[in-house]
Amino acid sequence: MLWVLHLCADAGVVVTEYVDQAWGEMVEHADGSGEFRRVVLRPRMTIGDASRIADAIALHDRAHELCALARSMNFAVVHEPVVTA
């Protein structure tokens, strides 16, 4: 999520590493069509200052609220962030 990197930069939280392990659940119908039912994002972010971990997690929550893609889906988009320093 680019939003979280932007919010961290604005808040002075230095991000040194960011990876995401996304997972999706899709249903396929008998006619071959299908759609996603749910997506889970599992971002893992490393920051420079351990005292800012709670701030970084809160910024993940805010980024999820602002994300145009997550807001545009007709299925649940869940995020489970982990932040370490």
PDB file of N, CA and C in Angstrom:
ATOM      1  N   MET A   1       0.836  -1.179   0.000  1.00  0.00           N
ATOM      2  CA  MET A   1       0.000   0.000   0.000  1.00  0.00           C
ATOM      3  C   MET A   1       0.881   1.242   0.000  1.00  0.00           C
ATOM      4  N   LEU A   2       0.799   1.955  -1.065  1.00  0.00           N
ATOM      5  CA  LEU A   2       1.581   3.189  -1.139  1.00  0.00           C
ATOM      6  C   LEU A   2       1.116   4.209  -0.119  1.00  0.00           C
ATOM      7  N   TRP A   3      -0.147   4.152   0.235  1.00  0.00           N
ATOM      8  CA  TRP A   3      -0.642   5.105   1.228  1.00  0.00           C
ATOM      9  C   TRP A   3       0.133   5.009   2.533  1.00  0.00           C
ATOM     10  N   VAL A   4       0.436   3.810   2.993  1.00  0.00           N
ATOM     11  CA  VAL A   4       1.110   3.681   4.288  1.00  0.00           C
ATOM     12  C   VAL A   4       2.511   4.276   4.215  1.00  0.00           C
ATOM     13  N   LEU A   5       3.191   4.113   3.089  1.00  0.00           N
ATOM     14  CA  LEU A   5       4.524   4.699   2.953  1.00  0.00           C
ATOM     15  C   LEU A   5       4.441   6.222   2.944  1.00  0.00           C
ATOM     16  N   HIS A   6       3.444   6.763   2.290  1.00  0.00           N
ATOM     17  CA  HIS A   6       3.237   8.215   2.278  1.00  0.00           C
ATOM     18  C   HIS A   6       2.935   8.731   3.690  1.00  0.00           C
ATOM     19  N   LEU A   7       2.029   8.064   4.388  1.00  0.00           N
ATOM     20  CA  LEU A   7       1.667   8.491   5.741  1.00  0.00           C
ATOM     21  C   LEU A   7       2.861   8.391   6.696  1.00  0.00           C
ATOM     22  N   CYS A   8       3.653   7.327   6.548  1.00  0.00           N
ATOM     23  CA  CYS A   8       4.842   7.196   7.391  1.00  0.00           C
ATOM     24  C   CYS A   8       5.828   8.328   7.119  1.00  0.00           C
ATOM     25  N   ALA A   9       6.047   8.640   5.857  1.00  0.00           N
ATOM     26  CA  ALA A   9       6.967   9.729   5.516  1.00  0.00           C
ATOM     27  C   ALA A   9       6.481  11.040   6.125  1.00  0.00           C
ATOM     28  N   ASP A  10       5.191  11.323   6.004  1.00  0.00           N
ATOM     29  CA  ASP A  10       4.634  12.550   6.589  1.00  0.00           C
ATOM     30  C   ASP A  10       4.781  12.587   8.105  1.00  0.00           C
ATOM     31  N   ALA A  11       4.688  11.414   8.746  1.00  0.00           N
ATOM     32  CA  ALA A  11       4.748  11.337  10.208  1.00  0.00           C
ATOM     33  C   ALA A  11       6.174  11.196  10.738  1.00  0.00           C
ATOM     34  N   GLY A  12       7.159  11.088   9.842  1.00  0.00           N
ATOM     35  CA  GLY A  12       8.543  10.943  10.274  1.00  0.00           C
ATOM     36  C   GLY A  12       8.907   9.537  10.718  1.00  0.00           C
ATOM     37  N   VAL A  13       8.114   8.546  10.311  1.00  0.00           N
ATOM     38  CA  VAL A  13       8.427   7.148  10.609  1.00  0.00           C
ATOM     39  C   VAL A  13       9.295   6.629   9.463  1.00  0.00           C
ATOM     40  N   VAL A  14      10.528   6.240   9.774  1.00  0.00           N
ATOM     41  CA  VAL A  14      11.468   5.792   8.749  1.00  0.00           C
ATOM     42  C   VAL A  14      11.260   4.300   8.490  1.00  0.00           C
ATOM     43  N   VAL A  15      10.854   3.978   7.271  1.00  0.00           N
ATOM     44  CA  VAL A  15      10.607   2.590   6.862  1.00  0.00           C
ATOM     45  C   VAL A  15      11.859   2.085   6.161  1.00  0.00           C
ATOM     46  N   THR A  16      12.406   0.967   6.665  1.00  0.00           N
ATOM     47  CA  THR A  16      13.610   0.401   6.061  1.00  0.00           C
ATOM     48  C   THR A  16      13.321  -0.836   5.213  1.00  0.00           C
ATOM     49  N   GLU A  17      12.160  -1.449   5.417  1.00  0.00           N
ATOM     50  CA  GLU A  17      11.783  -2.615   4.613  1.00  0.00           C
ATOM     51  C   GLU A  17      10.274  -2.759   4.633  1.00  0.00           C
ATOM     52  N   TYR A  18       9.716  -3.184   3.481  1.00  0.00           N
ATOM     53  CA  TYR A  18       8.271  -3.385   3.377  1.00  0.00           C
ATOM     54  C   TYR A  18       8.009  -4.521   2.400  1.00  0.00           C
ATOM     55  N   VAL A  19       7.314  -5.538   2.844  1.00  0.00           N
ATOM     56  CA  VAL A  19       6.886  -6.643   1.983  1.00  0.00           C
ATOM     57  C   VAL A  19       5.444  -6.973   2.339  1.00  0.00           C
ATOM     58  N   ASP A  20       4.729  -7.561   1.411  1.00  0.00           N
ATOM     59  CA  ASP A  20       3.350  -7.952   1.672  1.00  0.00           C
ATOM     60  C   ASP A  20       3.131  -9.362   1.156  1.00  0.00           C
ATOM     61  N   GLN A  21       2.453 -10.165   1.944  1.00  0.00           N
ATOM     62  CA  GLN A  21       2.098 -11.518   1.535  1.00  0.00           C
ATOM     63  C   GLN A  21       0.578 -11.556   1.416  1.00  0.00           C
ATOM     64  N   ALA A  22       0.090 -11.197   0.234  1.00  0.00           N
ATOM     65  CA  ALA A  22      -1.347 -11.152  -0.006  1.00  0.00           C
ATOM     66  C   ALA A  22      -1.892 -12.551  -0.275  1.00  0.00           C
ATOM     67  N   TRP A  23      -3.125 -12.746   0.093  1.00  0.00           N
ATOM     68  CA  TRP A  23      -3.819 -14.014  -0.110  1.00  0.00           C
ATOM     69  C   TRP A  23      -5.230 -13.704  -0.562  1.00  0.00           C
ATOM     70  N   GLY A  24      -5.743 -14.456  -1.504  1.00  0.00           N
ATOM     71  CA  GLY A  24      -7.105 -14.241  -1.967  1.00  0.00           C
ATOM     72  C   GLY A  24      -7.885 -15.534  -2.055  1.00  0.00           C
ATOM     73  N   GLU A  25      -9.169 -15.430  -1.802  1.00  0.00           N
ATOM     74  CA  GLU A  25     -10.081 -16.569  -1.915  1.00  0.00           C
ATOM     75  C   GLU A  25     -11.018 -16.289  -3.084  1.00  0.00           C
ATOM     76  N   MET A  26     -11.022 -17.194  -4.049  1.00  0.00           N
ATOM     77  CA  MET A  26     -11.831 -17.003  -5.240  1.00  0.00           C
ATOM     78  C   MET A  26     -12.793 -18.176  -5.390  1.00  0.00           C
ATOM     79  N   VAL A  27     -13.975 -17.898  -5.872  1.00  0.00           N
ATOM     80  CA  VAL A  27     -14.951 -18.943  -6.152  1.00  0.00           C
ATOM     81  C   VAL A  27     -15.093 -19.052  -7.666  1.00  0.00           C
ATOM     82  N   GLU A  28     -15.153 -20.271  -8.157  1.00  0.00           N
ATOM     83  CA  GLU A  28     -15.364 -20.498  -9.582  1.00  0.00           C
ATOM     84  C   GLU A  28     -16.719 -21.174  -9.763  1.00  0.00           C
ATOM     85  N   HIS A  29     -17.498 -20.658 -10.687  1.00  0.00           N
ATOM     86  CA  HIS A  29     -18.841 -21.183 -10.946  1.00  0.00           C
ATOM     87  C   HIS A  29     -18.804 -22.240 -12.047  1.00  0.00           C
ATOM     88  N   ALA A  30     -19.875 -23.000 -12.158  1.00  0.00           N
ATOM     89  CA  ALA A  30     -19.947 -24.092 -13.134  1.00  0.00           C
ATOM     90  C   ALA A  30     -19.729 -23.604 -14.565  1.00  0.00           C
ATOM     91  N   ASP A  31     -20.113 -22.376 -14.863  1.00  0.00           N
ATOM     92  CA  ASP A  31     -19.950 -21.855 -16.226  1.00  0.00           C
ATOM     93  C   ASP A  31     -18.535 -21.329 -16.496  1.00  0.00           C
ATOM     94  N   GLY A  32     -17.630 -21.455 -15.517  1.00  0.00           N
ATOM     95  CA  GLY A  32     -16.258 -21.016 -15.679  1.00  0.00           C
ATOM     96  C   GLY A  32     -15.998 -19.606 -15.186  1.00  0.00           C
ATOM     97  N   SER A  33     -17.037 -18.856 -14.888  1.00  0.00           N
ATOM     98  CA  SER A  33     -16.857 -17.503 -14.353  1.00  0.00           C
ATOM     99  C   SER A  33     -16.481 -17.599 -12.880  1.00  0.00           C
ATOM    100  N   GLY A  34     -16.077 -16.498 -12.315  1.00  0.00           N
ATOM    101  CA  GLY A  34     -15.717 -16.506 -10.905  1.00  0.00           C
ATOM    102  C   GLY A  34     -15.490 -15.112 -10.389  1.00  0.00           C
ATOM    103  N   GLU A  35     -15.273 -15.039  -9.117  1.00  0.00           N
ATOM    104  CA  GLU A  35     -14.939 -13.762  -8.491  1.00  0.00           C
ATOM    105  C   GLU A  35     -14.241 -14.026  -7.159  1.00  0.00           C
ATOM    106  N   PHE A  36     -13.556 -12.984  -6.697  1.00  0.00           N
ATOM    107  CA  PHE A  36     -12.940 -13.064  -5.390  1.00  0.00           C
ATOM    108  C   PHE A  36     -14.002 -12.886  -4.318  1.00  0.00           C
ATOM    109  N   ARG A  37     -13.866 -13.636  -3.248  1.00  0.00           N
ATOM    110  CA  ARG A  37     -14.743 -13.489  -2.087  1.00  0.00           C
ATOM    111  C   ARG A  37     -14.082 -12.658  -1.000  1.00  0.00           C
ATOM    112  N   ARG A  38     -12.759 -12.769  -0.952  1.00  0.00           N
ATOM    113  CA  ARG A  38     -12.040 -12.127   0.146  1.00  0.00           C
ATOM    114  C   ARG A  38     -10.560 -12.042  -0.197  1.00  0.00           C
ATOM    115  N   VAL A  39      -9.937 -10.985   0.265  1.00  0.00           N
ATOM    116  CA  VAL A  39      -8.487 -10.817   0.127  1.00  0.00           C
ATOM    117  C   VAL A  39      -7.937 -10.435   1.497  1.00  0.00           C
ATOM    118  N   VAL A  40      -6.815 -11.035   1.849  1.00  0.00           N
ATOM    119  CA  VAL A  40      -6.136 -10.696   3.101  1.00  0.00           C
ATOM    120  C   VAL A  40      -4.744 -10.189   2.737  1.00  0.00           C
ATOM    121  N   LEU A  41      -4.432  -8.987   3.204  1.00  0.00           N
ATOM    122  CA  LEU A  41      -3.105  -8.413   3.024  1.00  0.00           C
ATOM    123  C   LEU A  41      -2.340  -8.587   4.326  1.00  0.00           C
ATOM    124  N   ARG A  42      -1.120  -9.073   4.230  1.00  0.00           N
ATOM    125  CA  ARG A  42      -0.286  -9.295   5.410  1.00  0.00           C
ATOM    126  C   ARG A  42       1.027  -8.533   5.266  1.00  0.00           C
ATOM    127  N   PRO A  43       0.933  -7.201   5.351  1.00  0.00           N
ATOM    128  CA  PRO A  43       2.154  -6.409   5.208  1.00  0.00           C
ATOM    129  C   PRO A  43       3.085  -6.581   6.390  1.00  0.00           C
ATOM    130  N   ARG A  44       4.372  -6.652   6.088  1.00  0.00           N
ATOM    131  CA  ARG A  44       5.418  -6.723   7.102  1.00  0.00           C
ATOM    132  C   ARG A  44       6.328  -5.524   6.869  1.00  0.00           C
ATOM    133  N   MET A  45       6.417  -4.659   7.852  1.00  0.00           N
ATOM    134  CA  MET A  45       7.183  -3.431   7.702  1.00  0.00           C
ATOM    135  C   MET A  45       8.217  -3.346   8.810  1.00  0.00           C
ATOM    136  N   THR A  46       9.428  -2.969   8.450  1.00  0.00           N
ATOM    137  CA  THR A  46      10.487  -2.722   9.422  1.00  0.00           C
ATOM    138  C   THR A  46      10.734  -1.227   9.454  1.00  0.00           C
ATOM    139  N   ILE A  47      10.799  -0.687  10.667  1.00  0.00           N
ATOM    140  CA  ILE A  47      11.048   0.744  10.831  1.00  0.00           C
ATOM    141  C   ILE A  47      12.300   0.944  11.663  1.00  0.00           C
ATOM    142  N   GLY A  48      12.826   2.157  11.627  1.00  0.00           N
ATOM    143  CA  GLY A  48      14.089   2.440  12.297  1.00  0.00           C
ATOM    144  C   GLY A  48      13.989   2.653  13.798  1.00  0.00           C
ATOM    145  N   ASP A  49      12.827   3.016  14.314  1.00  0.00           N
ATOM    146  CA  ASP A  49      12.680   3.393  15.719  1.00  0.00           C
ATOM    147  C   ASP A  49      11.605   2.542  16.378  1.00  0.00           C
ATOM    148  N   ALA A  50      12.014   1.639  17.265  1.00  0.00           N
ATOM    149  CA  ALA A  50      11.067   0.728  17.919  1.00  0.00           C
ATOM    150  C   ALA A  50       9.988   1.459  18.708  1.00  0.00           C
ATOM    151  N   SER A  51      10.272   2.660  19.161  1.00  0.00           N
ATOM    152  CA  SER A  51       9.270   3.400  19.941  1.00  0.00           C
ATOM    153  C   SER A  51       8.114   3.889  19.068  1.00  0.00           C
ATOM    154  N   ARG A  52       8.219   3.758  17.751  1.00  0.00           N
ATOM    155  CA  ARG A  52       7.179   4.228  16.822  1.00  0.00           C
ATOM    156  C   ARG A  52       6.344   3.089  16.237  1.00  0.00           C
ATOM    157  N   ILE A  53       6.506   1.869  16.777  1.00  0.00           N
ATOM    158  CA  ILE A  53       5.762   0.725  16.233  1.00  0.00           C
ATOM    159  C   ILE A  53       4.257   0.953  16.319  1.00  0.00           C
ATOM    160  N   ALA A  54       3.748   1.409  17.444  1.00  0.00           N
ATOM    161  CA  ALA A  54       2.306   1.656  17.585  1.00  0.00           C
ATOM    162  C   ALA A  54       1.845   2.714  16.582  1.00  0.00           C
ATOM    163  N   ASP A  55       2.664   3.734  16.376  1.00  0.00           N
ATOM    164  CA  ASP A  55       2.330   4.764  15.387  1.00  0.00           C
ATOM    165  C   ASP A  55       2.226   4.155  13.988  1.00  0.00           C
ATOM    166  N   ALA A  56       3.183   3.305  13.644  1.00  0.00           N
ATOM    167  CA  ALA A  56       3.203   2.696  12.316  1.00  0.00           C
ATOM    168  C   ALA A  56       1.991   1.796  12.104  1.00  0.00           C
ATOM    169  N   ILE A  57       1.591   1.058  13.120  1.00  0.00           N
ATOM    170  CA  ILE A  57       0.393   0.209  12.999  1.00  0.00           C
ATOM    171  C   ILE A  57      -0.844   1.073  12.813  1.00  0.00           C
ATOM    172  N   ALA A  58      -0.936   2.167  13.554  1.00  0.00           N
ATOM    173  CA  ALA A  58      -2.062   3.092  13.390  1.00  0.00           C
ATOM    174  C   ALA A  58      -2.075   3.687  11.983  1.00  0.00           C
ATOM    175  N   LEU A  59      -0.902   3.955  11.425  1.00  0.00           N
ATOM    176  CA  LEU A  59      -0.835   4.477  10.063  1.00  0.00           C
ATOM    177  C   LEU A  59      -1.288   3.431   9.047  1.00  0.00           C
ATOM    178  N   HIS A  60      -1.031   2.159   9.320  1.00  0.00           N
ATOM    179  CA  HIS A  60      -1.560   1.084   8.467  1.00  0.00           C
ATOM    180  C   HIS A  60      -3.086   1.121   8.474  1.00  0.00           C
ATOM    181  N   ASP A  61      -3.669   1.287   9.650  1.00  0.00           N
ATOM    182  CA  ASP A  61      -5.130   1.350   9.740  1.00  0.00           C
ATOM    183  C   ASP A  61      -5.670   2.521   8.935  1.00  0.00           C
ATOM    184  N   ARG A  62      -5.034   3.672   9.050  1.00  0.00           N
ATOM    185  CA  ARG A  62      -5.463   4.865   8.307  1.00  0.00           C
ATOM    186  C   ARG A  62      -5.288   4.652   6.802  1.00  0.00           C
ATOM    187  N   ALA A  63      -4.185   4.051   6.395  1.00  0.00           N
ATOM    188  CA  ALA A  63      -3.947   3.785   4.977  1.00  0.00           C
ATOM    189  C   ALA A  63      -5.022   2.863   4.412  1.00  0.00           C
ATOM    190  N   HIS A  64      -5.427   1.882   5.186  1.00  0.00           N
ATOM    191  CA  HIS A  64      -6.471   0.952   4.740  1.00  0.00           C
ATOM    192  C   HIS A  64      -7.777   1.702   4.499  1.00  0.00           C
ATOM    193  N   GLU A  65      -8.078   2.684   5.349  1.00  0.00           N
ATOM    194  CA  GLU A  65      -9.286   3.499   5.180  1.00  0.00           C
ATOM    195  C   GLU A  65      -9.220   4.356   3.916  1.00  0.00           C
ATOM    196  N   LEU A  66      -8.035   4.802   3.539  1.00  0.00           N
ATOM    197  CA  LEU A  66      -7.847   5.703   2.399  1.00  0.00           C
ATOM    198  C   LEU A  66      -7.652   4.989   1.061  1.00  0.00           C
ATOM    199  N   CYS A  67      -7.330   3.722   1.089  1.00  0.00           N
ATOM    200  CA  CYS A  67      -6.950   2.978  -0.114  1.00  0.00           C
ATOM    201  C   CYS A  67      -8.104   2.890  -1.119  1.00  0.00           C
ATOM    202  N   ALA A  68      -7.888   3.462  -2.301  1.00  0.00           N
ATOM    203  CA  ALA A  68      -8.916   3.461  -3.340  1.00  0.00           C
ATOM    204  C   ALA A  68      -9.243   2.042  -3.809  1.00  0.00           C
ATOM    205  N   LEU A  69      -8.241   1.186  -3.917  1.00  0.00           N
ATOM    206  CA  LEU A  69      -8.506  -0.181  -4.358  1.00  0.00           C
ATOM    207  C   LEU A  69      -9.355  -0.939  -3.342  1.00  0.00           C
ATOM    208  N   ALA A  70      -8.979  -0.875  -2.082  1.00  0.00           N
ATOM    209  CA  ALA A  70      -9.742  -1.579  -1.051  1.00  0.00           C
ATOM    210  C   ALA A  70     -11.168  -1.045  -0.962  1.00  0.00           C
ATOM    211  N   ARG A  71     -11.333   0.257  -1.140  1.00  0.00           N
ATOM    212  CA  ARG A  71     -12.659   0.875  -1.059  1.00  0.00           C
ATOM    213  C   ARG A  71     -13.518   0.556  -2.281  1.00  0.00           C
ATOM    214  N   SER A  72     -12.895   0.126  -3.375  1.00  0.00           N
ATOM    215  CA  SER A  72     -13.616  -0.124  -4.623  1.00  0.00           C
ATOM    216  C   SER A  72     -14.061  -1.572  -4.787  1.00  0.00           C
ATOM    217  N   MET A  73     -13.619  -2.442  -3.932  1.00  0.00           N
ATOM    218  CA  MET A  73     -13.926  -3.865  -4.076  1.00  0.00           C
ATOM    219  C   MET A  73     -15.320  -4.186  -3.531  1.00  0.00           C
ATOM    220  N   ASN A  74     -15.948  -5.205  -4.128  1.00  0.00           N
ATOM    221  CA  ASN A  74     -17.244  -5.641  -3.622  1.00  0.00           C
ATOM    222  C   ASN A  74     -17.103  -6.904  -2.769  1.00  0.00           C
ATOM    223  N   PHE A  75     -15.916  -7.058  -2.196  1.00  0.00           N
ATOM    224  CA  PHE A  75     -15.638  -8.155  -1.277  1.00  0.00           C
ATOM    225  C   PHE A  75     -14.745  -7.611  -0.168  1.00  0.00           C
ATOM    226  N   ALA A  76     -14.622  -8.350   0.888  1.00  0.00           N
ATOM    227  CA  ALA A  76     -13.835  -7.905   2.037  1.00  0.00           C
ATOM    228  C   ALA A  76     -12.352  -7.866   1.699  1.00  0.00           C
ATOM    229  N   VAL A  77     -11.717  -6.771   2.080  1.00  0.00           N
ATOM    230  CA  VAL A  77     -10.254  -6.651   2.006  1.00  0.00           C
ATOM    231  C   VAL A  77      -9.783  -6.422   3.444  1.00  0.00           C
ATOM    232  N   VAL A  78      -9.131  -7.423   3.990  1.00  0.00           N
ATOM    233  CA  VAL A  78      -8.677  -7.405   5.379  1.00  0.00           C
ATOM    234  C   VAL A  78      -7.183  -7.144   5.384  1.00  0.00           C
ATOM    235  N   HIS A  79      -6.693  -6.420   6.375  1.00  0.00           N
ATOM    236  CA  HIS A  79      -5.244  -6.266   6.477  1.00  0.00           C
ATOM    237  C   HIS A  79      -4.807  -6.627   7.896  1.00  0.00           C
ATOM    238  N   GLU A  80      -3.672  -7.306   7.947  1.00  0.00           N
ATOM    239  CA  GLU A  80      -3.105  -7.803   9.204  1.00  0.00           C
ATOM    240  C   GLU A  80      -1.638  -7.366   9.270  1.00  0.00           C
ATOM    241  N   PRO A  81      -1.393  -6.095   9.568  1.00  0.00           N
ATOM    242  CA  PRO A  81      -0.008  -5.609   9.541  1.00  0.00           C
ATOM    243  C   PRO A  81       0.825  -6.090  10.726  1.00  0.00           C
ATOM    244  N   VAL A  82       2.102  -6.269  10.467  1.00  0.00           N
ATOM    245  CA  VAL A  82       3.093  -6.554  11.499  1.00  0.00           C
ATOM    246  C   VAL A  82       4.220  -5.545  11.299  1.00  0.00           C
ATOM    247  N   VAL A  83       4.584  -4.857  12.366  1.00  0.00           N
ATOM    248  CA  VAL A  83       5.672  -3.875  12.286  1.00  0.00           C
ATOM    249  C   VAL A  83       6.751  -4.243  13.292  1.00  0.00           C
ATOM    250  N   THR A  84       7.987  -4.264  12.836  1.00  0.00           N
ATOM    251  CA  THR A  84       9.133  -4.535  13.703  1.00  0.00           C
ATOM    252  C   THR A  84      10.152  -3.411  13.518  1.00  0.00           C
ATOM    253  N   ALA A  85      11.096  -3.373  14.410  1.00  0.00           N
ATOM    254  CA  ALA A  85      12.167  -2.366  14.300  1.00  0.00           C
ATOM    255  C   ALA A  85      13.507  -3.048  14.397  1.00  0.00           C
TER     256      ALA A  85
END
